[in-house]
C-alpha atoms as a PDB file:
ATOM      1  CA  MET A   1     -37.173  -5.189  45.244  1.00  0.00           C
ATOM      2  CA  VAL A   2     -36.550  -2.556  42.689  1.00  0.00           C
ATOM      3  CA  LYS A   3     -35.184  -5.055  39.898  1.00  0.00           C
ATOM      4  CA  TRP A   4     -38.507  -6.736  39.968  1.00  0.00           C
ATOM      5  CA  ILE A   5     -40.295  -3.464  39.443  1.00  0.00           C
ATOM      6  CA  VAL A   6     -38.026  -2.314  36.696  1.00  0.00           C
ATOM      7  CA  LEU A   7     -38.529  -5.612  35.150  1.00  0.00           C
ATOM      8  CA  ALA A   8     -42.325  -5.461  35.314  1.00  0.00           C
ATOM      9  CA  VAL A   9     -42.266  -1.785  33.834  1.00  0.00           C
ATOM     10  CA  VAL A  10     -39.851  -2.841  30.951  1.00  0.00           C
ATOM     11  CA  LEU A  11     -42.096  -6.116  30.469  1.00  0.00           C
ATOM     12  CA  PHE A  12     -45.289  -4.298  30.446  1.00  0.00           C
ATOM     13  CA  ALA A  13     -43.940  -1.454  27.909  1.00  0.00           C
ATOM     14  CA  LEU A  14     -42.799  -4.373  25.617  1.00  0.00           C
ATOM     15  CA  LEU A  15     -46.199  -5.629  25.753  1.00  0.00           C
ATOM     16  CA  VAL A  16     -47.875  -2.568  25.006  1.00  0.00           C
ATOM     17  CA  LEU A  17     -45.597  -2.100  22.190  1.00  0.00           C
ATOM     18  CA  ALA A  18     -46.274  -5.591  20.793  1.00  0.00           C
ATOM     19  CA  LEU A  19     -49.962  -4.961  21.258  1.00  0.00           C
ATOM     20  CA  ALA A  20     -49.677  -1.428  19.261  1.00  0.00           C
ATOM     21  CA  VAL A  21     -47.573  -2.992  16.602  1.00  0.00           C
ATOM     22  CA  ARG A  22     -49.862  -6.234  16.093  1.00  0.00           C
ATOM     23  CA  PRO A  23     -52.537  -4.272  13.797  1.00  0.00           C
ATOM     24  CA  VAL A  24     -49.731  -2.703  11.569  1.00  0.00           C
ATOM     25  CA  LEU A  25     -48.194  -5.944  11.005  1.00  0.00           C
ATOM     26  CA  ALA A  26     -51.464  -7.636  10.192  1.00  0.00           C
ATOM     27  CA  ARG A  27     -52.214  -4.857   7.459  1.00  0.00           C
ATOM     28  CA  LEU A  28     -48.721  -5.069   5.679  1.00  0.00           C
ATOM     29  CA  PRO A  29     -49.925  -7.433   3.153  1.00  0.00           C
ATOM     30  CA  ARG A  30     -52.868  -5.117   2.103  1.00  0.00           C
ATOM     31  CA  LEU A  31     -50.492  -2.233   2.148  1.00  0.00           C
ATOM     32  CA  ARG A  32     -48.134  -4.078  -0.007  1.00  0.00           C
ATOM     33  CA  ARG A  33     -50.661  -4.798  -2.509  1.00  0.00           C
ATOM     34  CA  ALA A  34     -51.733  -1.332  -2.314  1.00  0.00           C
ATOM     35  CA  ALA A  35     -48.100  -0.223  -3.016  1.00  0.00           C
ATOM     36  CA  VAL A  36     -47.702  -2.404  -6.063  1.00  0.00           C
ATOM     37  CA  ALA A  37     -51.046  -1.044  -7.361  1.00  0.00           C
ATOM     38  CA  LEU A  38     -49.903   2.323  -7.078  1.00  0.00           C
ATOM     39  CA  GLN A  39     -46.548   1.762  -8.858  1.00  0.00           C
ATOM     40  CA  ARG A  40     -48.316   0.126 -11.620  1.00  0.00           C
ATOM     41  CA  ARG A  41     -50.635   3.064 -12.052  1.00  0.00           C
ATOM     42  CA  GLN A  42     -47.713   5.277 -11.969  1.00  0.00           C
ATOM     43  CA  THR A  43     -46.138   3.539 -14.779  1.00  0.00           C
ATOM     44  CA  GLU A  44     -49.550   3.525 -16.621  1.00  0.00           C
ATOM     45  CA  ALA A  45     -49.529   7.367 -16.024  1.00  0.00           C
ATOM     46  CA  GLU A  46     -46.059   7.802 -17.454  1.00  0.00           C
ATOM     47  CA  ALA A  47     -46.895   5.564 -20.505  1.00  0.00           C
ATOM     48  CA  LEU A  48     -49.969   7.931 -20.988  1.00  0.00           C
ATOM     49  CA  ARG A  49     -47.997  10.949 -20.569  1.00  0.00           C
ATOM     50  CA  SER A  50     -45.302  10.156 -23.000  1.00  0.00           C
ATOM     51  CA  THR A  51     -47.956   9.040 -25.279  1.00  0.00           C
ATOM     52  CA  ALA A  52     -49.967  12.369 -24.855  1.00  0.00           C
ATOM     53  CA  GLU A  53     -46.873  14.304 -25.533  1.00  0.00           C
ATOM     54  CA  VAL A  54     -46.339  12.306 -29.037  1.00  0.00           C
ATOM     55  CA  LEU A  55     -49.891  13.270 -29.752  1.00  0.00           C
ATOM     56  CA  GLN A  56     -49.565  16.917 -29.145  1.00  0.00           C
ATOM     57  CA  GLN A  57     -46.395  17.189 -31.109  1.00  0.00           C
ATOM     58  CA  ARG A  58     -48.291  15.407 -33.905  1.00  0.00           C
ATOM     59  CA  ALA A  59     -51.345  18.027 -33.263  1.00  0.00           C
ATOM     60  CA  VAL A  60     -48.799  20.952 -33.854  1.00  0.00           C
ATOM     61  CA  THR A  61     -47.599  19.177 -36.952  1.00  0.00           C
ATOM     62  CA  LEU A  62     -50.807  18.586 -38.562  1.00  0.00           C
ATOM     63  CA  GLN A  63     -51.827  22.418 -37.538  1.00  0.00           C
ATOM     64  CA  ALA A  64     -48.952  23.723 -39.415  1.00  0.00           C
ATOM     65  CA  GLN A  65     -49.602  21.524 -42.454  1.00  0.00           C
ATOM     66  CA  ALA A  66     -53.129  22.745 -42.287  1.00  0.00           C
ATOM     67  CA  ALA A  67     -52.075  26.293 -42.318  1.00  0.00           C
ATOM     68  CA  ILE A  68     -49.845  25.697 -45.290  1.00  0.00           C
ATOM     69  CA  THR A  69     -52.742  23.797 -47.086  1.00  0.00           C
ATOM     70  CA  GLN A  70     -54.874  26.704 -46.608  1.00  0.00           C
ATOM     71  CA  GLU A  71     -52.515  29.289 -47.655  1.00  0.00           C
ATOM     72  CA  ARG A  72     -52.347  26.987 -50.712  1.00  0.00           C
ATOM     73  CA  LEU A  73     -55.929  26.979 -51.421  1.00  0.00           C
ATOM     74  CA  GLU A  74     -56.089  30.608 -51.034  1.00  0.00           C
ATOM     75  CA  LEU A  75     -53.341  31.190 -53.574  1.00  0.00           C
ATOM     76  CA  ILE A  76     -55.058  28.632 -56.002  1.00  0.00           C
ATOM     77  CA  LYS A  77     -58.349  30.261 -55.453  1.00  0.00           C
ATOM     78  CA  ALA A  78     -56.951  33.617 -56.250  1.00  0.00           C
ATOM     79  CA  LYS A  79     -55.240  32.537 -59.447  1.00  0.00           C
ATOM     80  CA  ARG A  80     -58.370  31.091 -60.647  1.00  0.00           C
ATOM     81  CA  GLY A  81     -60.222  34.318 -59.881  1.00  0.00           C
ATOM     82  CA  LYS A  82     -58.271  36.432 -62.218  1.00  0.00           C
END
């Protein structure tokens, strides 16, 4: 008799587990698509970050060139003013 009660409790627990897992398994394809989309966006974000770093470096270079040009322009104006 005890064996049947234990068996019934185990089977009931397995049934409850299966019913709890079923919705999660049903959502797996959507979760997989979402994970792939997130990975794609992460790759795009990394590419944008590297592009932004290159642009920032270029901006620093251009700023330095602009400062040099400004200094040269001031020297030329000073020479013409004499």
